[in-house]
N, C-alpha and C. Protein backbone atom coordinates (compact mmCIF):
# COMPACT_ATOMS: atom_id res chain seq x y z
N MET A 1 15.14 -14.83 -7.63
CA MET A 1 13.97 -15.42 -8.34
C MET A 1 12.75 -15.13 -7.63
N THR A 2 11.66 -14.76 -8.31
CA THR A 2 10.36 -14.47 -7.66
C THR A 2 9.62 -15.82 -7.39
N THR A 3 8.68 -15.70 -6.55
CA THR A 3 7.81 -16.81 -6.12
C THR A 3 6.59 -16.67 -7.12
N PRO A 4 6.10 -17.70 -7.53
CA PRO A 4 4.78 -17.71 -8.38
C PRO A 4 3.81 -16.94 -7.49
N ALA A 5 2.75 -16.33 -8.09
CA ALA A 5 1.81 -15.62 -7.44
C ALA A 5 0.95 -16.67 -6.50
N LEU A 6 0.78 -17.75 -6.91
CA LEU A 6 -0.20 -18.64 -6.26
C LEU A 6 0.51 -19.00 -4.92
N GLN A 7 1.84 -19.11 -4.77
CA GLN A 7 2.30 -19.65 -3.59
C GLN A 7 2.87 -18.39 -2.63
N ARG A 8 2.58 -17.25 -2.95
CA ARG A 8 2.79 -16.10 -2.06
C ARG A 8 1.99 -16.11 -0.76
N LYS A 9 2.52 -15.75 0.23
CA LYS A 9 1.74 -15.83 1.45
C LYS A 9 1.49 -14.59 2.17
N GLY A 10 1.83 -13.39 1.47
CA GLY A 10 1.61 -12.16 2.18
C GLY A 10 0.03 -11.73 2.33
N SER A 11 -0.24 -11.18 3.61
CA SER A 11 -1.58 -10.92 3.93
C SER A 11 -1.90 -9.65 3.47
N PHE A 12 -3.19 -9.24 3.50
CA PHE A 12 -3.69 -7.89 2.98
C PHE A 12 -3.23 -6.81 3.93
N VAL A 13 -3.04 -7.19 5.23
CA VAL A 13 -2.59 -6.11 6.15
C VAL A 13 -1.10 -5.86 5.88
N GLN A 14 -0.33 -6.78 5.56
CA GLN A 14 1.08 -6.47 5.22
C GLN A 14 1.08 -5.74 4.03
N THR A 15 0.31 -5.99 3.05
CA THR A 15 0.22 -5.12 1.82
C THR A 15 -0.15 -3.61 2.08
N MET A 16 -1.19 -3.51 3.01
CA MET A 16 -1.43 -2.05 3.52
C MET A 16 -0.35 -1.39 4.07
N LYS A 17 0.56 -2.12 4.97
CA LYS A 17 1.71 -1.52 5.50
C LYS A 17 2.68 -1.08 4.58
N ALA A 18 2.99 -1.94 3.50
CA ALA A 18 3.90 -1.71 2.51
C ALA A 18 3.43 -0.54 1.83
N VAL A 19 2.07 -0.42 1.33
CA VAL A 19 1.62 0.78 0.59
C VAL A 19 1.64 2.03 1.50
N ALA A 20 1.31 1.93 2.77
CA ALA A 20 1.32 3.13 3.59
C ALA A 20 2.92 3.64 3.67
N TRP A 21 3.85 2.88 3.74
CA TRP A 21 5.16 3.16 3.82
C TRP A 21 5.62 3.80 2.49
N SER A 22 5.17 3.23 1.38
CA SER A 22 5.45 3.83 -0.05
C SER A 22 4.80 5.10 -0.31
N PHE A 23 3.72 5.46 0.49
CA PHE A 23 3.27 6.88 0.40
C PHE A 23 4.04 7.88 1.01
N PHE A 24 4.86 7.43 2.01
CA PHE A 24 6.00 8.34 2.63
C PHE A 24 7.14 8.22 1.79
N GLY A 25 7.29 7.30 0.88
CA GLY A 25 8.68 7.16 0.15
C GLY A 25 9.69 6.80 0.97
N VAL A 26 9.55 5.99 2.03
CA VAL A 26 10.67 5.71 2.97
C VAL A 26 10.48 4.06 3.07
N ARG A 27 11.29 3.46 2.31
CA ARG A 27 11.40 2.00 2.20
C ARG A 27 12.89 1.50 2.29
N LYS A 28 13.28 0.63 3.08
CA LYS A 28 14.61 -0.01 2.90
C LYS A 28 14.49 -0.99 1.71
N GLY A 29 15.75 -1.14 1.23
CA GLY A 29 15.80 -2.08 0.05
C GLY A 29 15.56 -3.42 0.37
N ALA A 30 16.00 -3.86 1.48
CA ALA A 30 15.68 -5.21 2.18
C ALA A 30 14.22 -5.46 2.27
N ASP A 31 13.37 -4.51 2.72
CA ASP A 31 11.97 -4.52 3.01
C ASP A 31 11.32 -4.65 1.69
N TYR A 32 11.70 -3.79 0.69
CA TYR A 32 11.23 -3.69 -0.70
C TYR A 32 11.45 -5.30 -1.41
N GLU A 33 12.56 -5.74 -1.28
CA GLU A 33 12.90 -7.12 -1.79
C GLU A 33 11.79 -8.17 -1.04
N SER A 34 11.78 -8.09 0.12
CA SER A 34 10.86 -8.84 0.91
C SER A 34 9.51 -8.89 0.51
N ASP A 35 8.89 -7.66 0.30
CA ASP A 35 7.59 -7.41 -0.15
C ASP A 35 7.22 -8.06 -1.53
N ALA A 36 8.32 -7.68 -2.38
CA ALA A 36 8.26 -8.25 -3.76
C ALA A 36 8.00 -9.68 -3.91
N ARG A 37 8.85 -10.46 -2.87
CA ARG A 37 8.68 -11.90 -2.83
C ARG A 37 7.45 -12.44 -2.29
N LYS A 38 6.87 -11.66 -1.17
CA LYS A 38 5.72 -12.16 -0.56
C LYS A 38 4.29 -11.68 -0.96
N LEU A 39 4.19 -10.39 -1.42
CA LEU A 39 2.83 -9.91 -1.59
C LEU A 39 2.36 -10.32 -3.01
N LYS A 40 1.07 -10.19 -3.14
CA LYS A 40 0.40 -10.56 -4.42
C LYS A 40 0.10 -9.12 -5.04
N ALA A 41 0.28 -9.10 -6.42
CA ALA A 41 0.08 -8.00 -7.07
C ALA A 41 -1.46 -7.51 -6.86
N GLN A 42 -2.49 -8.31 -6.92
CA GLN A 42 -3.71 -8.02 -6.77
C GLN A 42 -3.93 -7.19 -5.41
N HIS A 43 -3.37 -7.64 -4.42
CA HIS A 43 -3.50 -7.06 -3.09
C HIS A 43 -2.75 -5.65 -3.11
N VAL A 44 -1.69 -5.49 -3.76
CA VAL A 44 -0.94 -4.28 -3.85
C VAL A 44 -1.89 -3.36 -4.71
N ILE A 45 -2.43 -3.67 -5.80
CA ILE A 45 -3.29 -2.77 -6.51
C ILE A 45 -4.48 -2.32 -5.80
N ALA A 46 -5.15 -3.32 -5.14
CA ALA A 46 -6.26 -3.04 -4.31
C ALA A 46 -6.04 -2.02 -3.19
N ALA A 47 -4.88 -2.26 -2.45
CA ALA A 47 -4.45 -1.52 -1.44
C ALA A 47 -4.03 0.01 -1.81
N GLY A 48 -3.50 -0.04 -2.94
CA GLY A 48 -3.16 1.33 -3.47
C GLY A 48 -4.25 2.20 -3.95
N ILE A 49 -5.32 1.36 -4.52
CA ILE A 49 -6.65 2.25 -4.82
C ILE A 49 -7.28 2.63 -3.52
N VAL A 50 -7.45 1.82 -2.51
CA VAL A 50 -8.07 2.05 -1.41
C VAL A 50 -7.32 3.18 -0.52
N SER A 51 -6.02 3.19 -0.52
CA SER A 51 -5.31 4.07 0.20
C SER A 51 -5.37 5.43 -0.47
N CYS A 52 -5.43 5.50 -1.79
CA CYS A 52 -5.45 6.82 -2.61
C CYS A 52 -6.86 7.44 -2.43
N ALA A 53 -7.93 6.63 -2.38
CA ALA A 53 -9.12 7.08 -2.25
C ALA A 53 -9.39 7.69 -0.80
N LEU A 54 -8.75 6.89 0.23
CA LEU A 54 -9.02 7.50 1.57
C LEU A 54 -8.10 8.77 1.84
N PHE A 55 -6.89 8.99 1.07
CA PHE A 55 -6.14 10.04 1.15
C PHE A 55 -6.88 11.15 0.55
N VAL A 56 -7.55 11.04 -0.56
CA VAL A 56 -8.48 12.10 -1.24
C VAL A 56 -9.52 12.50 -0.28
N LEU A 57 -10.24 11.51 0.27
CA LEU A 57 -11.38 11.91 1.11
C LEU A 57 -10.85 12.65 2.37
N VAL A 58 -9.74 12.24 2.88
CA VAL A 58 -9.29 13.09 4.14
C VAL A 58 -8.91 14.52 3.71
N LEU A 59 -8.28 14.53 2.66
CA LEU A 59 -7.85 15.92 2.04
C LEU A 59 -9.15 16.79 1.81
N PHE A 60 -10.08 16.19 1.25
CA PHE A 60 -11.24 16.87 0.97
C PHE A 60 -11.98 17.28 2.21
N GLY A 61 -12.08 16.40 3.19
CA GLY A 61 -12.74 16.78 4.59
C GLY A 61 -12.05 17.86 5.26
N ILE A 62 -10.65 17.95 5.21
CA ILE A 62 -9.77 18.96 5.84
C ILE A 62 -10.06 20.31 5.17
N VAL A 63 -10.23 20.31 3.75
CA VAL A 63 -10.37 21.46 3.09
C VAL A 63 -11.80 22.07 3.39
N LYS A 64 -12.82 21.10 3.48
CA LYS A 64 -14.06 21.44 3.65
C LYS A 64 -14.29 22.10 5.09
N LEU A 65 -13.58 21.40 5.97
CA LEU A 65 -13.48 21.76 7.48
C LEU A 65 -12.92 23.37 7.49
N ILE A 66 -11.84 23.67 6.71
CA ILE A 66 -11.19 24.88 6.90
C ILE A 66 -12.03 25.94 6.29
N THR A 67 -12.58 25.76 5.15
CA THR A 67 -13.34 26.55 4.48
C THR A 67 -14.79 27.01 4.85
N ARG A 68 -15.10 26.39 5.96
CA ARG A 68 -16.54 26.74 6.71
C ARG A 68 -16.58 28.09 7.12
């Protein structure tokens, strides 16, 4: 059973860690279940958008550096 969103205690730092691990595609089932119980959906969405933007900017910077 899931915990209502208002009672979840996951921090934004925990959410960023979960999103970072998901970028690599390496998550244990137990960790996934723990994250699903603790993390807020709004934090996961925000962390995903921030991480994606950061990833694109890093790739852009690498390409710009190489093509100089």
